[in-house]
N, C-alpha and C. Protein backbone atom coordinates (compact mmCIF):
# COMPACT_ATOMS: atom_id res chain seq x y z
N MET A 1 3.42 -3.37 13.14
CA MET A 1 2.77 -2.13 12.74
C MET A 1 3.35 -1.69 11.39
N VAL A 2 2.52 -1.12 10.56
CA VAL A 2 2.93 -0.65 9.25
C VAL A 2 3.64 0.70 9.37
N GLU A 3 4.69 0.88 8.56
CA GLU A 3 5.40 2.16 8.50
C GLU A 3 5.20 2.71 7.10
N TYR A 4 4.59 3.86 7.00
CA TYR A 4 4.29 4.45 5.70
C TYR A 4 5.50 5.19 5.15
N ARG A 5 5.70 5.03 3.84
CA ARG A 5 6.75 5.77 3.13
C ARG A 5 6.07 6.61 2.06
N ILE A 6 6.25 7.89 2.13
CA ILE A 6 5.61 8.81 1.19
C ILE A 6 6.64 9.23 0.14
N ASP A 7 6.26 9.05 -1.12
CA ASP A 7 7.12 9.45 -2.24
C ASP A 7 6.43 10.60 -2.95
N ARG A 8 6.95 11.78 -2.76
CA ARG A 8 6.34 12.98 -3.33
C ARG A 8 6.57 13.12 -4.84
N ARG A 9 7.43 12.27 -5.41
CA ARG A 9 7.73 12.34 -6.84
C ARG A 9 6.76 11.55 -7.71
N THR A 10 5.93 10.72 -7.12
CA THR A 10 5.11 9.81 -7.91
C THR A 10 3.92 10.47 -8.60
N GLY A 11 3.45 11.58 -8.06
CA GLY A 11 2.24 12.19 -8.60
C GLY A 11 0.98 11.56 -8.00
N VAL A 12 1.14 10.55 -7.16
CA VAL A 12 0.01 9.91 -6.49
C VAL A 12 -0.26 10.68 -5.20
N ALA A 13 -1.51 11.05 -5.00
CA ALA A 13 -1.88 11.81 -3.80
C ALA A 13 -1.39 11.08 -2.55
N THR A 14 -0.94 11.86 -1.58
CA THR A 14 -0.36 11.30 -0.36
C THR A 14 -1.34 10.37 0.35
N TYR A 15 -2.61 10.77 0.45
CA TYR A 15 -3.57 9.91 1.15
C TYR A 15 -3.75 8.60 0.42
N LEU A 16 -3.65 8.61 -0.92
CA LEU A 16 -3.78 7.37 -1.68
C LEU A 16 -2.57 6.47 -1.47
N GLN A 17 -1.40 7.07 -1.27
CA GLN A 17 -0.23 6.25 -0.96
C GLN A 17 -0.43 5.51 0.36
N ILE A 18 -1.02 6.18 1.33
CA ILE A 18 -1.30 5.53 2.62
C ILE A 18 -2.32 4.41 2.43
N VAL A 19 -3.38 4.68 1.66
CA VAL A 19 -4.39 3.65 1.39
C VAL A 19 -3.75 2.46 0.68
N GLN A 20 -2.96 2.72 -0.35
CA GLN A 20 -2.32 1.66 -1.12
C GLN A 20 -1.36 0.84 -0.26
N GLN A 21 -0.56 1.52 0.56
CA GLN A 21 0.39 0.80 1.41
C GLN A 21 -0.31 -0.02 2.48
N THR A 22 -1.44 0.48 2.98
CA THR A 22 -2.20 -0.29 3.96
C THR A 22 -2.78 -1.53 3.30
N LYS A 23 -3.33 -1.37 2.10
CA LYS A 23 -3.88 -2.53 1.38
C LYS A 23 -2.79 -3.54 1.06
N GLN A 24 -1.62 -3.05 0.70
CA GLN A 24 -0.51 -3.96 0.41
C GLN A 24 -0.15 -4.75 1.67
N ALA A 25 -0.09 -4.08 2.81
CA ALA A 25 0.21 -4.76 4.07
C ALA A 25 -0.86 -5.79 4.40
N LEU A 26 -2.12 -5.48 4.09
CA LEU A 26 -3.22 -6.44 4.32
C LEU A 26 -3.07 -7.64 3.40
N ARG A 27 -2.72 -7.41 2.14
CA ARG A 27 -2.57 -8.50 1.18
C ARG A 27 -1.41 -9.42 1.54
N LEU A 28 -0.36 -8.84 2.08
CA LEU A 28 0.83 -9.62 2.41
C LEU A 28 0.75 -10.26 3.79
N GLY A 29 -0.32 -9.98 4.52
CA GLY A 29 -0.46 -10.55 5.85
C GLY A 29 0.37 -9.83 6.90
N LEU A 30 0.88 -8.65 6.56
CA LEU A 30 1.64 -7.87 7.53
C LEU A 30 0.71 -7.18 8.53
N LEU A 31 -0.53 -6.96 8.10
CA LEU A 31 -1.59 -6.46 8.98
C LEU A 31 -2.71 -7.49 8.96
N GLU A 32 -3.26 -7.75 10.13
CA GLU A 32 -4.33 -8.74 10.25
C GLU A 32 -5.47 -8.14 11.06
N PRO A 33 -6.66 -8.72 10.95
CA PRO A 33 -7.79 -8.21 11.74
C PRO A 33 -7.42 -8.09 13.22
N GLY A 34 -7.77 -6.94 13.78
CA GLY A 34 -7.46 -6.65 15.18
C GLY A 34 -6.22 -5.80 15.37
N ASP A 35 -5.35 -5.77 14.37
CA ASP A 35 -4.15 -4.95 14.47
C ASP A 35 -4.52 -3.47 14.48
N LYS A 36 -3.74 -2.70 15.20
CA LYS A 36 -3.97 -1.26 15.29
C LYS A 36 -3.07 -0.55 14.29
N LEU A 37 -3.65 0.39 13.55
CA LEU A 37 -2.86 1.23 12.65
C LEU A 37 -2.16 2.30 13.48
N PRO A 38 -1.06 2.84 12.96
CA PRO A 38 -0.41 3.94 13.69
C PRO A 38 -1.38 5.11 13.84
N THR A 39 -1.24 5.85 14.90
CA THR A 39 -2.09 7.04 15.08
C THR A 39 -1.70 8.08 14.04
N ALA A 40 -2.61 9.00 13.79
CA ALA A 40 -2.31 10.09 12.86
C ALA A 40 -1.06 10.83 13.31
N ARG A 41 -0.93 11.06 14.59
CA ARG A 41 0.24 11.76 15.12
C ARG A 41 1.53 10.98 14.81
N GLU A 42 1.51 9.65 14.97
CA GLU A 42 2.70 8.85 14.67
C GLU A 42 3.06 8.92 13.19
N VAL A 43 2.04 8.88 12.33
CA VAL A 43 2.30 8.97 10.89
C VAL A 43 2.86 10.34 10.54
N VAL A 44 2.28 11.39 11.12
CA VAL A 44 2.75 12.76 10.86
C VAL A 44 4.21 12.90 11.29
N GLU A 45 4.55 12.38 12.46
CA GLU A 45 5.93 12.48 12.95
C GLU A 45 6.90 11.73 12.06
N ALA A 46 6.48 10.59 11.52
CA ALA A 46 7.37 9.77 10.69
C ALA A 46 7.49 10.27 9.25
N THR A 47 6.46 10.98 8.76
CA THR A 47 6.43 11.34 7.35
C THR A 47 6.37 12.84 7.06
N ALA A 48 6.13 13.63 8.07
CA ALA A 48 6.01 15.09 7.92
C ALA A 48 4.90 15.48 6.94
N ILE A 49 3.74 14.80 7.07
CA ILE A 49 2.58 15.18 6.26
C ILE A 49 1.51 15.76 7.16
N ASN A 50 0.51 16.33 6.56
CA ASN A 50 -0.58 16.96 7.28
C ASN A 50 -1.45 15.88 7.96
N PRO A 51 -1.83 16.08 9.22
CA PRO A 51 -2.67 15.09 9.91
C PRO A 51 -4.00 14.84 9.19
N ASN A 52 -4.54 15.87 8.52
CA ASN A 52 -5.80 15.67 7.80
C ASN A 52 -5.64 14.69 6.65
N THR A 53 -4.45 14.61 6.09
CA THR A 53 -4.17 13.66 5.01
C THR A 53 -4.26 12.23 5.54
N VAL A 54 -3.70 12.00 6.71
CA VAL A 54 -3.75 10.68 7.34
C VAL A 54 -5.21 10.33 7.64
N LEU A 55 -5.93 11.27 8.21
CA LEU A 55 -7.33 11.03 8.56
C LEU A 55 -8.16 10.74 7.31
N LYS A 56 -7.88 11.43 6.21
CA LYS A 56 -8.59 11.18 4.96
C LYS A 56 -8.32 9.76 4.47
N ALA A 57 -7.09 9.31 4.56
CA ALA A 57 -6.75 7.95 4.15
C ALA A 57 -7.47 6.93 5.03
N TYR A 58 -7.45 7.15 6.33
CA TYR A 58 -8.11 6.23 7.25
C TYR A 58 -9.62 6.21 7.03
N ARG A 59 -10.22 7.37 6.70
CA ARG A 59 -11.66 7.40 6.40
C ARG A 59 -11.96 6.59 5.14
N GLU A 60 -11.09 6.68 4.14
CA GLU A 60 -11.26 5.91 2.91
C GLU A 60 -11.19 4.41 3.20
N LEU A 61 -10.23 4.01 4.01
CA LEU A 61 -10.11 2.61 4.38
C LEU A 61 -11.32 2.15 5.18
N GLU A 62 -11.84 3.04 6.01
CA GLU A 62 -13.03 2.72 6.80
C GLU A 62 -14.25 2.60 5.88
N ARG A 63 -14.36 3.51 4.91
CA ARG A 63 -15.47 3.47 3.96
C ARG A 63 -15.46 2.14 3.18
N GLU A 64 -14.28 1.63 2.91
CA GLU A 64 -14.14 0.36 2.19
C GLU A 64 -14.33 -0.84 3.11
N GLY A 65 -14.53 -0.60 4.41
CA GLY A 65 -14.78 -1.69 5.35
C GLY A 65 -13.54 -2.43 5.80
N LEU A 66 -12.38 -1.86 5.55
CA LEU A 66 -11.13 -2.54 5.91
C LEU A 66 -10.68 -2.23 7.33
N VAL A 67 -11.02 -1.06 7.82
CA VAL A 67 -10.63 -0.66 9.17
C VAL A 67 -11.83 -0.04 9.87
N GLU A 68 -11.71 0.08 11.18
CA GLU A 68 -12.74 0.79 11.95
C GLU A 68 -12.08 1.66 13.00
N ALA A 69 -12.61 2.86 13.14
CA ALA A 69 -12.11 3.78 14.16
C ALA A 69 -12.87 3.50 15.44
N ARG A 70 -12.15 3.37 16.53
CA ARG A 70 -12.76 3.19 17.85
C ARG A 70 -12.40 4.40 18.68
N ARG A 71 -13.43 5.16 18.99
CA ARG A 71 -13.25 6.43 19.69
C ARG A 71 -12.36 6.27 20.93
N GLY A 72 -11.29 7.07 20.96
CA GLY A 72 -10.38 7.05 22.09
C GLY A 72 -9.38 5.90 22.09
N LEU A 73 -9.52 4.96 21.17
CA LEU A 73 -8.63 3.80 21.15
C LEU A 73 -7.73 3.76 19.92
N GLY A 74 -8.23 4.26 18.78
CA GLY A 74 -7.43 4.23 17.56
C GLY A 74 -8.20 3.61 16.40
N THR A 75 -7.46 3.27 15.36
CA THR A 75 -8.04 2.68 14.16
C THR A 75 -7.51 1.26 14.04
N PHE A 76 -8.45 0.32 13.85
CA PHE A 76 -8.10 -1.10 13.87
C PHE A 76 -8.52 -1.78 12.57
N VAL A 77 -7.74 -2.78 12.17
CA VAL A 77 -8.04 -3.57 10.98
C VAL A 77 -9.27 -4.42 11.23
N ARG A 78 -10.22 -4.36 10.29
CA ARG A 78 -11.44 -5.18 10.39
C ARG A 78 -11.33 -6.48 9.62
N LYS A 79 -10.71 -6.41 8.41
CA LYS A 79 -10.60 -7.63 7.62
C LYS A 79 -9.32 -7.64 6.83
N SER A 80 -8.92 -8.82 6.43
CA SER A 80 -7.68 -9.00 5.69
C SER A 80 -7.96 -9.07 4.19
N LEU A 81 -6.96 -8.77 3.42
CA LEU A 81 -7.01 -8.99 1.98
C LEU A 81 -6.01 -10.07 1.61
N GLY A 82 -5.43 -10.70 2.63
CA GLY A 82 -4.30 -11.60 2.46
C GLY A 82 -4.55 -12.81 1.59
N ALA A 83 -3.83 -12.86 0.50
CA ALA A 83 -3.81 -14.05 -0.35
C ALA A 83 -2.37 -14.46 -0.61
N ALA A 84 -1.44 -13.55 -0.43
CA ALA A 84 -0.03 -13.82 -0.70
C ALA A 84 0.81 -13.39 0.49
N PRO A 85 1.03 -14.29 1.47
CA PRO A 85 1.82 -13.90 2.63
C PRO A 85 3.22 -13.45 2.22
N ALA A 86 3.77 -12.55 3.01
CA ALA A 86 5.07 -11.96 2.70
C ALA A 86 6.17 -13.02 2.55
N ASP A 87 6.02 -14.14 3.23
CA ASP A 87 7.06 -15.18 3.17
C ASP A 87 6.73 -16.29 2.17
N SER A 88 5.85 -16.02 1.21
CA SER A 88 5.48 -17.04 0.22
C SER A 88 6.64 -17.28 -0.74
N PRO A 89 6.68 -18.45 -1.37
CA PRO A 89 7.73 -18.72 -2.35
C PRO A 89 7.72 -17.72 -3.51
N PHE A 90 6.54 -17.18 -3.84
CA PHE A 90 6.46 -16.19 -4.91
C PHE A 90 7.25 -14.94 -4.54
N GLY A 91 7.16 -14.55 -3.27
CA GLY A 91 7.91 -13.38 -2.82
C GLY A 91 9.41 -13.59 -2.94
N ALA A 92 9.87 -14.78 -2.59
CA ALA A 92 11.30 -15.09 -2.70
C ALA A 92 11.74 -15.08 -4.17
N GLU A 93 10.94 -15.66 -5.04
CA GLU A 93 11.27 -15.66 -6.47
C GLU A 93 11.30 -14.24 -7.02
N LEU A 94 10.34 -13.45 -6.62
CA LEU A 94 10.28 -12.06 -7.09
C LEU A 94 11.47 -11.26 -6.57
N ALA A 95 11.86 -11.51 -5.33
CA ALA A 95 13.03 -10.84 -4.77
C ALA A 95 14.29 -11.20 -5.55
N ASP A 96 14.44 -12.49 -5.88
CA ASP A 96 15.60 -12.91 -6.68
C ASP A 96 15.59 -12.23 -8.04
N TRP A 97 14.42 -12.16 -8.66
CA TRP A 97 14.29 -11.51 -9.96
C TRP A 97 14.65 -10.03 -9.85
N ALA A 98 14.19 -9.36 -8.81
CA ALA A 98 14.48 -7.93 -8.63
C ALA A 98 15.98 -7.69 -8.48
N VAL A 99 16.66 -8.57 -7.75
CA VAL A 99 18.11 -8.44 -7.59
C VAL A 99 18.79 -8.60 -8.94
N ARG A 100 18.37 -9.59 -9.72
CA ARG A 100 18.95 -9.80 -11.05
C ARG A 100 18.70 -8.59 -11.95
N ALA A 101 17.49 -8.02 -11.88
CA ALA A 101 17.17 -6.86 -12.70
C ALA A 101 18.04 -5.67 -12.31
N ARG A 102 18.22 -5.45 -11.01
CA ARG A 102 19.06 -4.35 -10.54
C ARG A 102 20.51 -4.58 -10.96
N ASP A 103 20.99 -5.82 -10.81
CA ASP A 103 22.36 -6.13 -11.20
C ASP A 103 22.58 -5.99 -12.70
N ALA A 104 21.51 -6.13 -13.48
CA ALA A 104 21.60 -5.96 -14.94
C ALA A 104 21.55 -4.49 -15.34
N GLY A 105 21.40 -3.59 -14.36
CA GLY A 105 21.44 -2.17 -14.64
C GLY A 105 20.09 -1.48 -14.73
N LEU A 106 19.00 -2.21 -14.47
CA LEU A 106 17.70 -1.58 -14.53
C LEU A 106 17.49 -0.70 -13.31
N GLU A 107 16.87 0.45 -13.52
CA GLU A 107 16.52 1.36 -12.43
C GLU A 107 15.18 0.92 -11.84
N ARG A 108 14.86 1.43 -10.67
CA ARG A 108 13.59 1.09 -10.00
C ARG A 108 12.39 1.35 -10.91
N ASP A 109 12.36 2.53 -11.55
CA ASP A 109 11.24 2.86 -12.43
C ASP A 109 11.16 1.93 -13.63
N ASP A 110 12.32 1.48 -14.14
CA ASP A 110 12.35 0.52 -15.25
C ASP A 110 11.71 -0.80 -14.83
N VAL A 111 12.09 -1.26 -13.63
CA VAL A 111 11.55 -2.52 -13.10
C VAL A 111 10.06 -2.40 -12.87
N ALA A 112 9.63 -1.26 -12.31
CA ALA A 112 8.20 -1.04 -12.06
C ALA A 112 7.42 -1.05 -13.37
N ALA A 113 7.96 -0.39 -14.39
CA ALA A 113 7.28 -0.36 -15.69
C ALA A 113 7.20 -1.75 -16.31
N LEU A 114 8.29 -2.50 -16.23
CA LEU A 114 8.31 -3.86 -16.77
C LEU A 114 7.32 -4.75 -16.03
N PHE A 115 7.35 -4.67 -14.71
CA PHE A 115 6.45 -5.50 -13.91
C PHE A 115 4.99 -5.15 -14.18
N THR A 116 4.68 -3.86 -14.26
CA THR A 116 3.32 -3.42 -14.55
C THR A 116 2.88 -3.92 -15.92
N SER A 117 3.77 -3.87 -16.88
CA SER A 117 3.46 -4.37 -18.22
C SER A 117 3.12 -5.86 -18.20
N VAL A 118 3.90 -6.62 -17.45
CA VAL A 118 3.65 -8.06 -17.34
C VAL A 118 2.32 -8.31 -16.63
N LEU A 119 2.05 -7.56 -15.56
CA LEU A 119 0.77 -7.70 -14.86
C LEU A 119 -0.39 -7.38 -15.79
N ASP A 120 -0.26 -6.30 -16.55
CA ASP A 120 -1.33 -5.91 -17.46
C ASP A 120 -1.58 -6.97 -18.52
N THR A 121 -0.55 -7.69 -18.92
CA THR A 121 -0.69 -8.75 -19.91
C THR A 121 -1.38 -9.98 -19.33
N HIS A 122 -1.03 -10.33 -18.11
CA HIS A 122 -1.50 -11.59 -17.53
C HIS A 122 -2.70 -11.45 -16.60
N PHE A 123 -3.05 -10.23 -16.22
CA PHE A 123 -4.21 -9.99 -15.36
C PHE A 123 -5.12 -8.98 -16.04
N VAL A 124 -5.57 -9.33 -17.22
CA VAL A 124 -6.33 -8.42 -18.08
C VAL A 124 -7.61 -7.93 -17.42
N ASP A 125 -8.33 -8.79 -16.71
CA ASP A 125 -9.64 -8.44 -16.15
C ASP A 125 -9.56 -7.85 -14.76
N THR A 126 -8.36 -7.62 -14.24
CA THR A 126 -8.20 -7.11 -12.88
C THR A 126 -7.62 -5.71 -12.93
N PRO A 127 -8.38 -4.69 -12.50
CA PRO A 127 -7.86 -3.32 -12.55
C PRO A 127 -6.72 -3.14 -11.55
N SER A 128 -5.73 -2.35 -11.93
CA SER A 128 -4.63 -2.05 -11.02
C SER A 128 -5.07 -1.01 -10.02
N VAL A 129 -4.27 -0.82 -8.98
CA VAL A 129 -4.56 0.21 -7.99
C VAL A 129 -4.60 1.58 -8.65
N ASP A 130 -3.68 1.81 -9.60
CA ASP A 130 -3.63 3.10 -10.28
C ASP A 130 -4.93 3.40 -11.02
N THR A 131 -5.50 2.41 -11.71
CA THR A 131 -6.72 2.67 -12.46
C THR A 131 -7.93 2.75 -11.55
N GLN A 132 -7.88 2.09 -10.41
CA GLN A 132 -8.98 2.15 -9.46
C GLN A 132 -9.16 3.58 -8.94
N PHE A 133 -8.05 4.30 -8.80
CA PHE A 133 -8.09 5.63 -8.20
C PHE A 133 -7.92 6.74 -9.23
N LYS A 134 -7.89 6.41 -10.51
CA LYS A 134 -7.66 7.42 -11.53
C LYS A 134 -8.70 8.54 -11.41
N GLY A 135 -8.22 9.74 -11.39
CA GLY A 135 -9.10 10.88 -11.29
C GLY A 135 -9.48 11.23 -9.85
N ASP A 136 -9.10 10.41 -8.90
CA ASP A 136 -9.43 10.65 -7.48
C ASP A 136 -8.16 11.04 -6.76
N GLN A 137 -7.58 12.15 -7.12
CA GLN A 137 -6.29 12.55 -6.60
C GLN A 137 -6.37 13.62 -5.51
N GLY A 138 -7.53 13.84 -4.89
CA GLY A 138 -7.69 14.92 -3.92
C GLY A 138 -7.01 14.81 -2.69
């Protein structure tokens, strides 16, 4: 089951953080079709956010066809986005790189900025999550 982490310092709407983290879990194969998402109550207890925020995120995921709500049962994954399993060699290489960057004195935000810059250079035709949701901060 996915555990959501909400960072109130990012400026990214809370519901979008839930959407983004769910998509990340789908891409990494941590969530697969048939898996149940945590209930709104479980997310609220773990993150201290408003239940309507969780429901808004789940509705967005449902609108995108990634999950489906089953009355009285919960919200379930409909399809995967998985192309890079969490245990792929790329993940191990990236983890090694992140450790080296941290050991070299880079802060998390520095690493994120550097990584985003590299992605923007090498994935020119692919919009980032940030640009996909730009202006949709409700």
